[in-house]
Amino acid sequence: MTAQPFNLDNDPRHNPGAEMLTIKEAARFLRVPENTLRYWRHLGSGPRSFKVGRHVRYWRVDVILWLSEQTNRPQHH
């Protein structure tokens, strides 16, 4: 088996077709208030985010992956 060359196209975050979300769009997608998303970002517990200049952005795929991780976590009552 030969090694495949590294290809950025295999990573959806580097795919020009991947959708980038604003904090408002990510909050709407997750159905939480924007301030909740800001607080999670402050705690480092929310979906992975990044900045473009001074603006916070999320890759839709990262939001979906984070949401999936939340649904698989053990429930604490």
N, C-alpha and C. Protein backbone atom coordinates (compact mmCIF):
# COMPACT_ATOMS: atom_id res chain seq x y z
N MET A 1 0.85 -1.17 0.00
CA MET A 1 0.00 0.00 0.00
C MET A 1 0.89 1.24 0.00
N THR A 2 0.61 2.17 -0.88
CA THR A 2 1.42 3.38 -0.97
C THR A 2 0.75 4.49 -0.17
N ALA A 3 1.57 5.35 0.38
CA ALA A 3 1.05 6.47 1.16
C ALA A 3 0.41 7.49 0.22
N GLN A 4 -0.73 7.99 0.66
CA GLN A 4 -1.41 9.02 -0.13
C GLN A 4 -0.78 10.37 0.19
N PRO A 5 -0.55 11.22 -0.81
CA PRO A 5 -0.02 12.55 -0.52
C PRO A 5 -1.04 13.34 0.30
N PHE A 6 -0.53 14.20 1.17
CA PHE A 6 -1.43 15.03 1.99
C PHE A 6 -2.20 15.96 1.05
N ASN A 7 -3.48 16.00 1.25
CA ASN A 7 -4.34 16.80 0.38
C ASN A 7 -5.29 17.61 1.24
N LEU A 8 -5.19 18.92 1.18
CA LEU A 8 -6.05 19.78 1.98
C LEU A 8 -7.52 19.60 1.62
N ASP A 9 -7.82 19.13 0.43
CA ASP A 9 -9.21 18.94 0.02
C ASP A 9 -9.90 17.88 0.86
N ASN A 10 -9.13 16.99 1.51
CA ASN A 10 -9.74 15.95 2.34
C ASN A 10 -10.22 16.50 3.67
N ASP A 11 -9.79 17.67 4.06
CA ASP A 11 -10.22 18.29 5.31
C ASP A 11 -11.28 19.34 4.98
N PRO A 12 -12.53 19.13 5.44
CA PRO A 12 -13.61 20.06 5.05
C PRO A 12 -13.37 21.50 5.46
N ARG A 13 -12.54 21.72 6.49
CA ARG A 13 -12.29 23.11 6.88
C ARG A 13 -11.44 23.84 5.85
N HIS A 14 -10.72 23.10 5.01
CA HIS A 14 -9.90 23.71 3.98
C HIS A 14 -10.56 23.66 2.61
N ASN A 15 -11.79 23.18 2.58
CA ASN A 15 -12.54 23.07 1.35
C ASN A 15 -13.28 24.38 1.12
N PRO A 16 -13.06 25.03 -0.01
CA PRO A 16 -13.75 26.31 -0.26
C PRO A 16 -15.26 26.19 -0.18
N GLY A 17 -15.79 24.98 -0.36
CA GLY A 17 -17.24 24.79 -0.27
C GLY A 17 -17.75 24.64 1.14
N ALA A 18 -16.84 24.49 2.14
CA ALA A 18 -17.28 24.35 3.52
C ALA A 18 -17.87 25.68 3.98
N GLU A 19 -18.95 25.59 4.72
CA GLU A 19 -19.64 26.82 5.13
C GLU A 19 -19.07 27.37 6.43
N MET A 20 -18.76 28.65 6.40
CA MET A 20 -18.28 29.36 7.57
C MET A 20 -19.48 30.10 8.17
N LEU A 21 -19.64 30.01 9.49
CA LEU A 21 -20.77 30.62 10.17
C LEU A 21 -20.33 31.78 11.05
N THR A 22 -21.15 32.81 11.13
CA THR A 22 -20.94 33.87 12.10
C THR A 22 -21.42 33.35 13.45
N ILE A 23 -21.15 34.10 14.51
CA ILE A 23 -21.62 33.68 15.83
C ILE A 23 -23.15 33.65 15.87
N LYS A 24 -23.79 34.59 15.18
CA LYS A 24 -25.26 34.63 15.12
C LYS A 24 -25.79 33.39 14.40
N GLU A 25 -25.18 33.02 13.29
CA GLU A 25 -25.62 31.84 12.54
C GLU A 25 -25.37 30.55 13.33
N ALA A 26 -24.23 30.47 14.00
CA ALA A 26 -23.92 29.28 14.80
C ALA A 26 -24.90 29.16 15.96
N ALA A 27 -25.22 30.28 16.61
CA ALA A 27 -26.18 30.27 17.71
C ALA A 27 -27.56 29.83 17.22
N ARG A 28 -27.96 30.32 16.08
CA ARG A 28 -29.25 29.95 15.50
C ARG A 28 -29.26 28.45 15.18
N PHE A 29 -28.16 27.96 14.60
CA PHE A 29 -28.05 26.55 14.26
C PHE A 29 -28.17 25.68 15.51
N LEU A 30 -27.50 26.10 16.60
CA LEU A 30 -27.52 25.33 17.85
C LEU A 30 -28.76 25.61 18.70
N ARG A 31 -29.52 26.63 18.31
CA ARG A 31 -30.73 27.04 19.03
C ARG A 31 -30.41 27.45 20.47
N VAL A 32 -29.36 28.26 20.59
CA VAL A 32 -28.97 28.84 21.89
C VAL A 32 -28.78 30.34 21.68
N PRO A 33 -28.90 31.13 22.76
CA PRO A 33 -28.64 32.56 22.63
C PRO A 33 -27.18 32.82 22.25
N GLU A 34 -26.96 33.91 21.53
CA GLU A 34 -25.58 34.28 21.16
C GLU A 34 -24.69 34.43 22.39
N ASN A 35 -25.24 34.98 23.46
CA ASN A 35 -24.44 35.16 24.67
C ASN A 35 -24.00 33.83 25.27
N THR A 36 -24.82 32.80 25.13
CA THR A 36 -24.42 31.47 25.60
C THR A 36 -23.23 30.98 24.81
N LEU A 37 -23.27 31.17 23.50
CA LEU A 37 -22.16 30.76 22.65
C LEU A 37 -20.89 31.56 22.99
N ARG A 38 -21.04 32.84 23.27
CA ARG A 38 -19.89 33.66 23.68
C ARG A 38 -19.31 33.16 25.00
N TYR A 39 -20.19 32.80 25.93
CA TYR A 39 -19.75 32.29 27.24
C TYR A 39 -19.02 30.96 27.07
N TRP A 40 -19.58 30.06 26.27
CA TRP A 40 -18.91 28.78 26.01
C TRP A 40 -17.55 29.03 25.40
N ARG A 41 -17.45 30.00 24.50
CA ARG A 41 -16.16 30.31 23.88
C ARG A 41 -15.17 30.81 24.92
N HIS A 42 -15.65 31.66 25.82
CA HIS A 42 -14.82 32.17 26.92
C HIS A 42 -14.31 31.02 27.80
N LEU A 43 -15.17 30.04 28.08
CA LEU A 43 -14.79 28.89 28.90
C LEU A 43 -13.95 27.88 28.13
N GLY A 44 -14.00 27.96 26.80
CA GLY A 44 -13.29 26.98 25.97
C GLY A 44 -14.05 25.67 25.88
N SER A 45 -15.36 25.72 26.12
CA SER A 45 -16.13 24.48 26.14
C SER A 45 -17.09 24.32 24.95
N GLY A 46 -17.21 25.33 24.14
CA GLY A 46 -18.14 25.26 23.02
C GLY A 46 -17.47 24.73 21.76
N PRO A 47 -18.15 24.85 20.64
CA PRO A 47 -17.57 24.41 19.36
C PRO A 47 -16.30 25.19 19.05
N ARG A 48 -15.39 24.56 18.33
CA ARG A 48 -14.14 25.23 17.96
C ARG A 48 -14.45 26.46 17.10
N SER A 49 -13.82 27.55 17.45
CA SER A 49 -14.03 28.81 16.72
C SER A 49 -12.68 29.40 16.36
N PHE A 50 -12.71 30.41 15.54
CA PHE A 50 -11.49 31.11 15.13
C PHE A 50 -11.86 32.53 14.76
N LYS A 51 -10.87 33.36 14.60
CA LYS A 51 -11.12 34.75 14.26
C LYS A 51 -10.64 35.05 12.85
N VAL A 52 -11.43 35.85 12.17
CA VAL A 52 -11.05 36.44 10.90
C VAL A 52 -11.01 37.93 11.18
N GLY A 53 -9.80 38.45 11.35
CA GLY A 53 -9.68 39.82 11.83
C GLY A 53 -10.20 39.88 13.26
N ARG A 54 -11.21 40.70 13.49
CA ARG A 54 -11.81 40.80 14.82
C ARG A 54 -13.10 40.00 14.94
N HIS A 55 -13.45 39.27 13.89
CA HIS A 55 -14.74 38.58 13.84
C HIS A 55 -14.59 37.09 14.14
N VAL A 56 -15.42 36.59 15.05
CA VAL A 56 -15.43 35.17 15.40
C VAL A 56 -16.21 34.39 14.34
N ARG A 57 -15.63 33.28 13.92
CA ARG A 57 -16.27 32.42 12.93
C ARG A 57 -16.19 30.97 13.36
N TYR A 58 -17.09 30.17 12.82
CA TYR A 58 -17.14 28.73 13.06
C TYR A 58 -17.28 28.03 11.73
N TRP A 59 -16.61 26.89 11.57
CA TRP A 59 -16.90 26.04 10.42
C TRP A 59 -18.12 25.22 10.80
N ARG A 60 -19.09 25.14 9.91
CA ARG A 60 -20.31 24.38 10.19
C ARG A 60 -19.98 22.95 10.62
N VAL A 61 -18.99 22.34 9.96
CA VAL A 61 -18.63 20.96 10.29
C VAL A 61 -18.13 20.85 11.74
N ASP A 62 -17.42 21.85 12.24
CA ASP A 62 -16.95 21.83 13.63
C ASP A 62 -18.12 21.95 14.61
N VAL A 63 -19.12 22.75 14.26
CA VAL A 63 -20.31 22.89 15.11
C VAL A 63 -21.06 21.55 15.16
N ILE A 64 -21.18 20.90 14.01
CA ILE A 64 -21.87 19.61 13.96
C ILE A 64 -21.10 18.55 14.74
N LEU A 65 -19.77 18.53 14.59
CA LEU A 65 -18.96 17.57 15.35
C LEU A 65 -19.09 17.81 16.84
N TRP A 66 -19.05 19.06 17.27
CA TRP A 66 -19.18 19.38 18.69
C TRP A 66 -20.54 18.93 19.21
N LEU A 67 -21.59 19.19 18.43
CA LEU A 67 -22.94 18.81 18.83
C LEU A 67 -23.04 17.29 18.96
N SER A 68 -22.43 16.60 18.03
CA SER A 68 -22.42 15.14 18.08
C SER A 68 -21.72 14.64 19.34
N GLU A 69 -20.61 15.28 19.70
CA GLU A 69 -19.89 14.92 20.93
C GLU A 69 -20.78 15.14 22.15
N GLN A 70 -21.59 16.19 22.15
CA GLN A 70 -22.47 16.47 23.29
C GLN A 70 -23.53 15.39 23.43
N THR A 71 -24.03 14.89 22.33
CA THR A 71 -25.09 13.88 22.40
C THR A 71 -24.54 12.53 22.85
N ASN A 72 -23.22 12.33 22.72
CA ASN A 72 -22.62 11.06 23.13
C ASN A 72 -22.03 11.11 24.53
N ARG A 73 -22.10 12.27 25.20
CA ARG A 73 -21.54 12.38 26.55
C ARG A 73 -22.49 11.75 27.56
N PRO A 74 -21.94 11.17 28.63
CA PRO A 74 -22.82 10.64 29.69
C PRO A 74 -23.63 11.76 30.33
N GLN A 75 -24.85 11.48 30.66
CA GLN A 75 -25.74 12.46 31.27
C GLN A 75 -25.49 12.53 32.77
N HIS A 76 -25.40 13.76 33.32
CA HIS A 76 -25.28 13.96 34.76
C HIS A 76 -26.60 14.55 35.25
N HIS A 77 -27.17 13.95 36.25
CA HIS A 77 -28.46 14.43 36.77
C HIS A 77 -28.30 15.09 38.09
